[in-house]
């Protein structure tokens, strides 16, 4: 019995302590892995566009998309976001477009687009609030950009 107490019991206690610590660490990791509730901060001129690889350096045309696995993808032009989604069919948690006229993000369900003469990748659209006079809807803007992908237009 003395051998049991001196050899086996410490190993059992160590196993219990390791199990408790492991459970606590796993719980804290899972609890902190929540998806973002809004747009994430992008580091201008450091983040690369997920579609074309260019630096995201012009905030008035930036966009971002977070997938349900928690990854956020940056885009230098709204058209790049539309093309990337069409090509990859990701499970989307949220998408935001940077307001062309103000330093803020607009959620995809509240965005519209106006023509813009010069954009980073030449798609010719810029994000504004729904209801802006002369703006096209999210679906119209996406269709305009996808014309470029399917070769039935130059996207401008």
C-alpha atoms as a PDB file:
ATOM      1  CA  UNK A   1       0.000   0.000   0.000  1.00  0.00           C
ATOM      2  CA  UNK A   2       2.892   2.318   0.717  1.00  0.00           C
ATOM      3  CA  UNK A   3       4.192   1.819  -2.866  1.00  0.00           C
ATOM      4  CA  UNK A   4       0.757   2.758  -4.210  1.00  0.00           C
ATOM      5  CA  UNK A   5       0.661   5.981  -2.206  1.00  0.00           C
ATOM      6  CA  UNK A   6       4.192   6.978  -3.087  1.00  0.00           C
ATOM      7  CA  UNK A   7       4.114   6.190  -6.832  1.00  0.00           C
ATOM      8  CA  UNK A   8       0.595   5.984  -8.250  1.00  0.00           C
ATOM      9  CA  UNK A   9      -1.234   8.630  -6.233  1.00  0.00           C
ATOM     10  CA  UNK A  10       1.075  11.512  -7.312  1.00  0.00           C
ATOM     11  CA  UNK A  11       0.591  10.504 -10.935  1.00  0.00           C
ATOM     12  CA  UNK A  12      -3.183  10.453 -10.501  1.00  0.00           C
ATOM     13  CA  UNK A  13      -3.119  13.871  -8.842  1.00  0.00           C
ATOM     14  CA  UNK A  14      -0.928  15.244 -11.635  1.00  0.00           C
ATOM     15  CA  UNK A  15      -3.382  13.891 -14.204  1.00  0.00           C
ATOM     16  CA  UNK A  16      -6.317  15.565 -12.445  1.00  0.00           C
ATOM     17  CA  UNK A  17      -4.469  18.900 -12.236  1.00  0.00           C
ATOM     18  CA  UNK A  18      -3.485  18.732 -15.921  1.00  0.00           C
ATOM     19  CA  UNK A  19      -7.072  17.919 -16.912  1.00  0.00           C
ATOM     20  CA  UNK A  20      -8.401  20.899 -14.935  1.00  0.00           C
ATOM     21  CA  UNK A  21      -5.792  23.282 -16.379  1.00  0.00           C
ATOM     22  CA  UNK A  22      -6.366  21.973 -19.912  1.00  0.00           C
ATOM     23  CA  UNK A  23     -10.119  22.442 -19.591  1.00  0.00           C
ATOM     24  CA  UNK A  24      -9.670  26.000 -18.315  1.00  0.00           C
ATOM     25  CA  UNK A  25      -7.332  26.911 -21.197  1.00  0.00           C
ATOM     26  CA  UNK A  26      -9.653  25.365 -23.799  1.00  0.00           C
ATOM     27  CA  UNK A  27     -12.657  27.208 -22.356  1.00  0.00           C
ATOM     28  CA  UNK A  28     -10.849  30.573 -22.392  1.00  0.00           C
ATOM     29  CA  UNK A  29      -9.706  30.079 -26.007  1.00  0.00           C
ATOM     30  CA  UNK A  30     -13.203  29.165 -27.155  1.00  0.00           C
ATOM     31  CA  UNK A  31     -14.781  32.033 -25.211  1.00  0.00           C
ATOM     32  CA  UNK A  32     -12.417  34.567 -26.808  1.00  0.00           C
ATOM     33  CA  UNK A  33     -12.995  33.314 -30.375  1.00  0.00           C
ATOM     34  CA  UNK A  34     -16.187  35.310 -30.955  1.00  0.00           C
ATOM     35  CA  UNK A  35     -16.782  36.768 -34.382  1.00  0.00           C
ATOM     36  CA  UNK A  36     -16.468  40.564 -34.567  1.00  0.00           C
ATOM     37  CA  UNK A  37     -19.652  42.588 -34.107  1.00  0.00           C
ATOM     38  CA  UNK A  38     -18.522  45.273 -36.556  1.00  0.00           C
ATOM     39  CA  UNK A  39     -15.763  46.184 -38.975  1.00  0.00           C
ATOM     40  CA  UNK A  40     -12.198  45.494 -37.911  1.00  0.00           C
ATOM     41  CA  UNK A  41      -9.377  48.017 -38.127  1.00  0.00           C
ATOM     42  CA  UNK A  42      -7.322  47.654 -41.275  1.00  0.00           C
ATOM     43  CA  UNK A  43      -3.717  48.794 -41.396  1.00  0.00           C
ATOM     44  CA  UNK A  44      -3.703  51.043 -44.466  1.00  0.00           C
ATOM     45  CA  UNK A  45      -0.892  50.316 -46.936  1.00  0.00           C
ATOM     46  CA  UNK A  46      -0.061  47.092 -45.047  1.00  0.00           C
ATOM     47  CA  UNK A  47      -3.173  44.960 -45.630  1.00  0.00           C
ATOM     48  CA  UNK A  48      -3.225  43.210 -48.998  1.00  0.00           C
ATOM     49  CA  UNK A  49      -6.359  42.845 -51.102  1.00  0.00           C
ATOM     50  CA  UNK A  50      -7.600  39.252 -50.947  1.00  0.00           C
ATOM     51  CA  UNK A  51      -8.639  39.395 -54.614  1.00  0.00           C
ATOM     52  CA  UNK A  52      -5.817  41.175 -56.442  1.00  0.00           C
ATOM     53  CA  UNK A  53      -2.976  41.328 -53.902  1.00  0.00           C
ATOM     54  CA  UNK A  54      -2.563  45.107 -54.091  1.00  0.00           C
ATOM     55  CA  UNK A  55      -2.099  47.110 -50.884  1.00  0.00           C
ATOM     56  CA  UNK A  56      -5.272  48.523 -49.401  1.00  0.00           C
ATOM     57  CA  UNK A  57      -4.195  52.133 -49.298  1.00  0.00           C
ATOM     58  CA  UNK A  58      -7.161  54.244 -50.372  1.00  0.00           C
ATOM     59  CA  UNK A  59      -9.717  54.158 -47.543  1.00  0.00           C
ATOM     60  CA  UNK A  60     -12.551  55.723 -49.598  1.00  0.00           C
ATOM     61  CA  UNK A  61     -12.661  52.550 -51.716  1.00  0.00           C
ATOM     62  CA  UNK A  62     -11.802  49.852 -49.151  1.00  0.00           C
ATOM     63  CA  UNK A  63     -14.022  46.943 -48.238  1.00  0.00           C
ATOM     64  CA  UNK A  64     -13.782  44.011 -45.836  1.00  0.00           C
ATOM     65  CA  UNK A  65     -15.485  40.691 -45.360  1.00  0.00           C
ATOM     66  CA  UNK A  66     -15.414  38.380 -42.342  1.00  0.00           C
ATOM     67  CA  UNK A  67     -16.180  34.714 -42.900  1.00  0.00           C
ATOM     68  CA  UNK A  68     -17.929  32.492 -40.382  1.00  0.00           C
ATOM     69  CA  UNK A  69     -14.574  30.893 -39.523  1.00  0.00           C
ATOM     70  CA  UNK A  70     -13.453  34.297 -38.167  1.00  0.00           C
ATOM     71  CA  UNK A  71     -11.062  35.349 -40.934  1.00  0.00           C
ATOM     72  CA  UNK A  72     -11.327  38.942 -42.150  1.00  0.00           C
ATOM     73  CA  UNK A  73     -10.365  39.641 -45.754  1.00  0.00           C
ATOM     74  CA  UNK A  74      -9.457  43.160 -46.919  1.00  0.00           C
ATOM     75  CA  UNK A  75     -10.169  44.565 -50.379  1.00  0.00           C
ATOM     76  CA  UNK A  76      -8.834  47.671 -52.111  1.00  0.00           C
ATOM     77  CA  UNK A  77     -11.927  48.183 -54.281  1.00  0.00           C
ATOM     78  CA  UNK A  78     -15.579  47.181 -53.766  1.00  0.00           C
ATOM     79  CA  UNK A  79     -15.404  45.336 -57.089  1.00  0.00           C
ATOM     80  CA  UNK A  80     -12.601  43.134 -55.758  1.00  0.00           C
ATOM     81  CA  UNK A  81     -14.868  42.037 -52.888  1.00  0.00           C
ATOM     82  CA  UNK A  82     -17.672  41.178 -55.319  1.00  0.00           C
ATOM     83  CA  UNK A  83     -15.342  39.176 -57.580  1.00  0.00           C
ATOM     84  CA  UNK A  84     -13.699  37.357 -54.672  1.00  0.00           C
ATOM     85  CA  UNK A  85     -17.081  36.315 -53.259  1.00  0.00           C
ATOM     86  CA  UNK A  86     -18.196  35.099 -56.702  1.00  0.00           C
ATOM     87  CA  UNK A  87     -15.020  33.053 -57.125  1.00  0.00           C
ATOM     88  CA  UNK A  88     -14.745  31.606 -53.590  1.00  0.00           C
ATOM     89  CA  UNK A  89     -18.371  31.382 -52.348  1.00  0.00           C
ATOM     90  CA  UNK A  90     -17.365  31.880 -48.694  1.00  0.00           C
ATOM     91  CA  UNK A  91     -19.682  31.513 -45.713  1.00  0.00           C
ATOM     92  CA  UNK A  92     -20.062  35.224 -44.956  1.00  0.00           C
ATOM     93  CA  UNK A  93     -20.479  36.518 -41.414  1.00  0.00           C
ATOM     94  CA  UNK A  94     -20.370  40.219 -42.334  1.00  0.00           C
ATOM     95  CA  UNK A  95     -19.202  42.636 -45.002  1.00  0.00           C
ATOM     96  CA  UNK A  96     -18.463  46.355 -44.791  1.00  0.00           C
ATOM     97  CA  UNK A  97     -17.655  48.994 -47.360  1.00  0.00           C
ATOM     98  CA  UNK A  98     -15.774  52.176 -46.462  1.00  0.00           C
ATOM     99  CA  UNK A  99     -17.857  55.286 -47.013  1.00  0.00           C
ATOM    100  CA  UNK A 100     -16.507  57.232 -49.974  1.00  0.00           C
ATOM    101  CA  UNK A 101     -17.241  60.584 -48.359  1.00  0.00           C
ATOM    102  CA  UNK A 102     -16.625  60.033 -44.637  1.00  0.00           C
ATOM    103  CA  UNK A 103     -14.268  58.075 -42.385  1.00  0.00           C
ATOM    104  CA  UNK A 104     -16.648  55.274 -41.466  1.00  0.00           C
ATOM    105  CA  UNK A 105     -17.768  51.825 -42.570  1.00  0.00           C
ATOM    106  CA  UNK A 106     -21.185  50.950 -43.998  1.00  0.00           C
ATOM    107  CA  UNK A 107     -22.650  47.469 -43.470  1.00  0.00           C
ATOM    108  CA  UNK A 108     -23.483  45.553 -46.640  1.00  0.00           C
ATOM    109  CA  UNK A 109     -27.205  45.650 -45.866  1.00  0.00           C
ATOM    110  CA  UNK A 110     -27.127  49.484 -45.700  1.00  0.00           C
ATOM    111  CA  UNK A 111     -24.812  50.294 -48.600  1.00  0.00           C
ATOM    112  CA  UNK A 112     -25.427  51.711 -52.057  1.00  0.00           C
ATOM    113  CA  UNK A 113     -22.914  52.781 -54.688  1.00  0.00           C
ATOM    114  CA  UNK A 114     -22.350  55.865 -56.796  1.00  0.00           C
ATOM    115  CA  UNK A 115     -20.252  56.104 -59.937  1.00  0.00           C
ATOM    116  CA  UNK A 116     -16.640  57.089 -59.285  1.00  0.00           C
ATOM    117  CA  UNK A 117     -14.347  58.129 -62.077  1.00  0.00           C
ATOM    118  CA  UNK A 118     -11.116  56.647 -60.715  1.00  0.00           C
ATOM    119  CA  UNK A 119     -10.990  53.675 -58.318  1.00  0.00           C
ATOM    120  CA  UNK A 120      -8.034  51.471 -57.329  1.00  0.00           C
ATOM    121  CA  UNK A 121      -8.934  48.605 -59.668  1.00  0.00           C
ATOM    122  CA  UNK A 122     -11.100  50.492 -62.149  1.00  0.00           C
ATOM    123  CA  UNK A 123     -14.508  49.154 -61.147  1.00  0.00           C
ATOM    124  CA  UNK A 124     -15.838  52.710 -61.015  1.00  0.00           C
ATOM    125  CA  UNK A 125     -18.027  52.508 -57.910  1.00  0.00           C
ATOM    126  CA  UNK A 126     -17.833  54.034 -54.433  1.00  0.00           C
ATOM    127  CA  UNK A 127     -19.852  53.212 -51.308  1.00  0.00           C
ATOM    128  CA  UNK A 128     -22.497  55.562 -49.893  1.00  0.00           C
ATOM    129  CA  UNK A 129     -25.579  55.149 -47.714  1.00  0.00           C
ATOM    130  CA  UNK A 130     -28.737  53.598 -49.105  1.00  0.00           C
ATOM    131  CA  UNK A 131     -31.031  56.385 -50.227  1.00  0.00           C
ATOM    132  CA  UNK A 132     -28.290  58.575 -51.675  1.00  0.00           C
ATOM    133  CA  UNK A 133     -29.683  60.227 -54.821  1.00  0.00           C
ATOM    134  CA  UNK A 134     -28.379  58.620 -58.002  1.00  0.00           C
ATOM    135  CA  UNK A 135     -26.960  55.586 -56.190  1.00  0.00           C
ATOM    136  CA  UNK A 136     -27.273  52.021 -57.438  1.00  0.00           C
ATOM    137  CA  UNK A 137     -28.218  49.192 -55.114  1.00  0.00           C
ATOM    138  CA  UNK A 138     -25.805  46.621 -53.719  1.00  0.00           C
ATOM    139  CA  UNK A 139     -27.147  44.048 -56.203  1.00  0.00           C
ATOM    140  CA  UNK A 140     -26.810  46.429 -59.165  1.00  0.00           C
ATOM    141  CA  UNK A 141     -23.221  47.253 -58.207  1.00  0.00           C
ATOM    142  CA  UNK A 142     -22.362  43.573 -57.805  1.00  0.00           C
ATOM    143  CA  UNK A 143     -23.859  42.785 -61.238  1.00  0.00           C
ATOM    144  CA  UNK A 144     -21.865  45.635 -62.800  1.00  0.00           C
ATOM    145  CA  UNK A 145     -18.643  44.266 -61.335  1.00  0.00           C
ATOM    146  CA  UNK A 146     -19.389  40.662 -62.247  1.00  0.00           C
ATOM    147  CA  UNK A 147     -19.846  41.696 -65.904  1.00  0.00           C
ATOM    148  CA  UNK A 148     -16.095  42.167 -65.871  1.00  0.00           C
ATOM    149  CA  UNK A 149     -15.549  38.621 -64.604  1.00  0.00           C
ATOM    150  CA  UNK A 150     -17.765  37.104 -67.258  1.00  0.00           C
ATOM    151  CA  UNK A 151     -16.299  39.193 -70.073  1.00  0.00           C
ATOM    152  CA  UNK A 152     -19.526  40.966 -71.012  1.00  0.00           C
ATOM    153  CA  UNK A 153     -18.213  44.409 -70.186  1.00  0.00           C
ATOM    154  CA  UNK A 154     -15.194  46.259 -68.911  1.00  0.00           C
ATOM    155  CA  UNK A 155     -16.697  46.805 -65.415  1.00  0.00           C
ATOM    156  CA  UNK A 156     -16.656  50.588 -65.791  1.00  0.00           C
END
